[in-house]
């Protein structure tokens, strides 16, 4: 697994992994990390309790895998997630 990410990229990868609608395939496309490597990165970078919470949250979540997504989910984020002020 590549570990030479700058802090901004590392932060973005973790943020994308936490987002419900961002599939692992998007992380792989942008950063070259397959799902297994994202899990390893999260295990290394998060506190143990945070990692367990994240794993519980993403396990079985259909929106984290592009092929399992319901037909209506075509974006990587909820329309209310990035509100413009």
Protein backbone atom coordinates (compact mmCIF):
# COMPACT_ATOMS: atom_id res chain seq x y z
CA UNK A 1 0.00 0.00 0.00
CA UNK A 2 1.26 3.45 -0.89
CA UNK A 3 1.68 5.57 2.23
CA UNK A 4 3.30 8.69 0.81
CA UNK A 5 0.19 10.89 0.86
CA UNK A 6 0.51 14.48 1.95
CA UNK A 7 -1.64 15.45 4.96
CA UNK A 8 -4.32 17.09 2.78
CA UNK A 9 -4.73 13.97 0.61
CA UNK A 10 -4.73 11.71 3.65
CA UNK A 11 -7.43 13.84 5.24
CA UNK A 12 -9.51 13.76 2.05
CA UNK A 13 -9.21 9.96 1.76
CA UNK A 14 -10.43 9.57 5.35
CA UNK A 15 -13.26 12.03 4.70
CA UNK A 16 -14.31 10.15 1.55
CA UNK A 17 -14.21 6.84 3.41
CA UNK A 18 -16.57 8.24 6.07
CA UNK A 19 -19.02 9.65 3.52
CA UNK A 20 -21.96 7.32 2.96
CA UNK A 21 -22.39 8.07 -0.73
CA UNK A 22 -18.73 8.01 -1.78
CA UNK A 23 -17.99 4.53 -3.14
CA UNK A 24 -14.67 2.80 -2.56
CA UNK A 25 -14.24 2.80 -6.34
CA UNK A 26 -14.08 6.62 -6.32
CA UNK A 27 -11.26 6.53 -3.75
CA UNK A 28 -9.45 3.96 -5.88
CA UNK A 29 -9.90 6.03 -9.02
CA UNK A 30 -8.63 9.24 -7.41
CA UNK A 31 -5.90 7.87 -5.12
CA UNK A 32 -5.14 4.36 -6.39
CA UNK A 33 -6.23 2.69 -3.14
CA UNK A 34 -8.46 -0.36 -3.46
CA UNK A 35 -10.98 -1.06 -0.69
CA UNK A 36 -8.61 -3.35 1.21
CA UNK A 37 -5.94 -0.62 1.31
CA UNK A 38 -8.49 1.98 2.44
CA UNK A 39 -9.41 -0.33 5.33
CA UNK A 40 -5.72 -0.70 6.25
CA UNK A 41 -5.23 3.08 6.04
CA UNK A 42 -8.28 3.70 8.25
CA UNK A 43 -7.08 1.11 10.77
CA UNK A 44 -3.69 2.84 10.93
CA UNK A 45 -4.91 6.45 11.02
CA UNK A 46 -8.00 6.26 13.27
CA UNK A 47 -8.23 5.53 16.96
CA UNK A 48 -9.27 1.90 17.54
CA UNK A 49 -12.77 2.87 18.69
CA UNK A 50 -13.24 5.18 15.69
CA UNK A 51 -12.07 2.45 13.34
CA UNK A 52 -14.56 -0.04 14.82
CA UNK A 53 -17.36 2.53 14.49
CA UNK A 54 -16.41 3.21 10.85
CA UNK A 55 -16.22 -0.50 9.98
CA UNK A 56 -19.62 -1.10 11.54
CA UNK A 57 -21.00 1.84 9.57
CA UNK A 58 -19.66 0.85 6.12
CA UNK A 59 -20.04 -2.93 6.36
CA UNK A 60 -22.91 -3.93 4.12
CA UNK A 61 -23.68 -0.34 3.08
CA UNK A 62 -24.75 -0.56 -0.55
CA UNK A 63 -23.82 3.04 -1.38
CA UNK A 64 -20.14 2.33 -0.61
CA UNK A 65 -19.98 0.04 -3.67
CA UNK A 66 -20.88 1.47 -7.06
CA UNK A 67 -22.35 -1.80 -8.38
CA UNK A 68 -24.61 -2.27 -5.35
CA UNK A 69 -26.04 1.26 -5.38
CA UNK A 70 -29.76 1.76 -5.84
CA UNK A 71 -30.65 3.20 -9.25
CA UNK A 72 -31.46 6.65 -7.84
CA UNK A 73 -28.04 7.22 -6.25
CA UNK A 74 -25.92 8.81 -8.93
CA UNK A 75 -23.96 11.40 -6.92
CA UNK A 76 -21.14 11.08 -4.44
CA UNK A 77 -22.88 13.32 -1.92
CA UNK A 78 -26.30 14.27 -0.63
CA UNK A 79 -27.77 17.45 -2.22
CA UNK A 80 -27.90 19.13 1.21
CA UNK A 81 -24.33 18.17 2.19
CA UNK A 82 -22.59 21.17 0.63
CA UNK A 83 -24.87 24.11 1.29
CA UNK A 84 -23.83 27.39 -0.25
CA UNK A 85 -23.99 30.37 2.08
